[in-house]
C-alpha cells in the first residue's frame, strides 16, 4: 500500500456553526475516521486554524493568511491505499462534502 495525503478546504465553518450542527458534523467525522482506523488505512491527521502566515519568493516575503490563492486549508489526514483511484474512492466518504467542501488527494513521495 502507498501513503496518501488528503487536504481539506472549505466545508463547515467551525467558528460560526450552531452547537448542534457542530456536534452532528464532528460525529460524522469521528465515524469516518473510526472506519478508516478499523480498516487499517488511517495514518493520522488534524484540523488546523483558519489563520496563519504564507512565505514566498526568493526574498521570503511573509504575509498573513487567509490565503488569496483559494480556499483555506482546514485540516489533513494521511491514509493508506493501493492506488490514487482507491484513495479517491475512500475520500468520497469524507463528511466535508456535506458542506460543499473540497478534498485534495496527493500521493506521498517515497
Protein backbone atom coordinates (compact mmCIF):
# COMPACT_ATOMS: atom_id res chain seq x y z
CA UNK A 1 0.00 0.00 0.00
CA UNK A 2 1.01 3.59 -0.62
CA UNK A 3 0.51 6.64 1.60
CA UNK A 4 -1.75 9.48 0.51
CA UNK A 5 -2.34 12.95 1.91
CA UNK A 6 -5.88 14.31 1.97
CA UNK A 7 -6.05 18.11 2.28
CA UNK A 8 -9.41 19.56 3.27
CA UNK A 9 -10.56 23.02 2.18
CA UNK A 10 -13.79 24.83 2.92
CA UNK A 11 -16.71 22.97 4.43
CA UNK A 12 -18.38 23.84 7.70
CA UNK A 13 -17.01 26.91 9.48
CA UNK A 14 -16.38 25.53 12.96
CA UNK A 15 -16.18 29.04 14.47
CA UNK A 16 -19.67 30.10 13.36
CA UNK A 17 -21.60 26.80 13.26
CA UNK A 18 -24.51 26.27 15.62
CA UNK A 19 -23.62 23.95 18.52
CA UNK A 20 -25.98 21.17 17.38
CA UNK A 21 -24.68 21.38 13.80
CA UNK A 22 -21.11 21.29 15.08
CA UNK A 23 -21.80 18.26 17.27
CA UNK A 24 -23.51 16.39 14.43
CA UNK A 25 -20.69 17.17 12.00
CA UNK A 26 -17.96 16.18 14.44
CA UNK A 27 -19.81 12.90 14.97
CA UNK A 28 -19.75 12.23 11.23
CA UNK A 29 -16.03 12.99 11.08
CA UNK A 30 -15.41 10.67 14.05
CA UNK A 31 -17.39 7.86 12.41
CA UNK A 32 -15.46 8.25 9.14
CA UNK A 33 -12.07 8.33 10.89
CA UNK A 34 -13.06 5.33 13.05
CA UNK A 35 -13.94 3.38 9.88
CA UNK A 36 -10.56 4.25 8.32
CA UNK A 37 -8.82 3.22 11.55
CA UNK A 38 -10.68 -0.10 11.73
CA UNK A 39 -9.72 -0.78 8.10
CA UNK A 40 -6.05 -0.06 8.89
CA UNK A 41 -5.96 2.88 6.50
CA UNK A 42 -5.79 5.89 8.84
CA UNK A 43 -2.33 7.38 9.29
CA UNK A 44 -3.18 10.41 11.41
CA UNK A 45 -4.35 13.94 10.83
CA UNK A 46 -5.57 17.13 12.42
CA UNK A 47 -7.78 20.13 11.95
CA UNK A 48 -5.88 23.41 11.60
CA UNK A 49 -6.75 27.01 12.49
CA UNK A 50 -8.14 29.40 9.89
CA UNK A 51 -5.24 31.85 10.24
CA UNK A 52 -1.56 31.59 9.52
CA UNK A 53 1.28 33.05 7.51
CA UNK A 54 2.46 32.49 3.96
CA UNK A 55 6.13 32.66 2.95
CA UNK A 56 7.00 33.10 -0.72
CA UNK A 57 9.69 34.14 -3.14
CA UNK A 58 13.48 34.40 -3.05
CA UNK A 59 13.30 37.34 -0.68
CA UNK A 60 10.93 35.33 1.56
CA UNK A 61 8.06 37.76 1.85
CA UNK A 62 5.80 36.86 4.78
CA UNK A 63 2.08 37.69 4.56
CA UNK A 64 -0.89 36.97 6.80
CA UNK A 65 -3.49 34.35 5.93
CA UNK A 66 -6.15 33.58 4.88
CA UNK A 67 -4.68 32.88 1.54
CA UNK A 68 -5.61 34.65 -1.67
CA UNK A 69 -4.87 31.56 -3.78
CA UNK A 70 -8.12 29.84 -2.82
CA UNK A 71 -9.96 28.12 -0.02
CA UNK A 72 -8.29 27.92 3.37
CA UNK A 73 -6.86 24.51 4.27
CA UNK A 74 -8.89 23.32 7.24
CA UNK A 75 -7.07 20.09 8.00
CA UNK A 76 -5.40 16.99 6.67
CA UNK A 77 -5.12 13.26 7.14
CA UNK A 78 -2.91 10.57 5.73
CA UNK A 79 -4.27 7.24 4.63
CA UNK A 80 -3.10 4.03 3.04
CA UNK A 81 -4.48 2.83 -0.29
CA UNK A 82 -3.33 0.63 -3.17
CA UNK A 83 -3.69 3.41 -5.77
CA UNK A 84 -4.73 7.01 -6.14
CA UNK A 85 -8.05 5.82 -7.56
CA UNK A 86 -8.68 3.78 -4.41
CA UNK A 87 -7.67 6.77 -2.25
CA UNK A 88 -10.17 8.92 -4.18
CA UNK A 89 -12.93 6.36 -3.57
CA UNK A 90 -12.14 6.37 0.15
CA UNK A 91 -12.09 10.19 0.19
CA UNK A 92 -15.60 10.27 -1.28
CA UNK A 93 -16.88 9.21 2.16
CA UNK A 94 -15.49 12.36 3.80
CA UNK A 95 -18.08 14.49 5.65
CA UNK A 96 -16.62 17.71 4.21
CA UNK A 97 -18.75 17.19 1.11
CA UNK A 98 -21.92 17.69 3.20
CA UNK A 99 -20.93 21.37 3.31
CA UNK A 100 -19.66 21.75 -0.26
CA UNK A 101 -16.04 21.37 0.84
CA UNK A 102 -13.00 20.28 -1.15
CA UNK A 103 -10.69 17.30 -0.60
CA UNK A 104 -7.40 17.15 -2.49
CA UNK A 105 -5.77 13.69 -2.71
CA UNK A 106 -1.99 13.53 -3.20
CA UNK A 107 0.38 10.56 -3.12
CA UNK A 108 3.19 10.98 -0.61
CA UNK A 109 6.50 10.58 -2.43
CA UNK A 110 8.89 7.99 -1.11
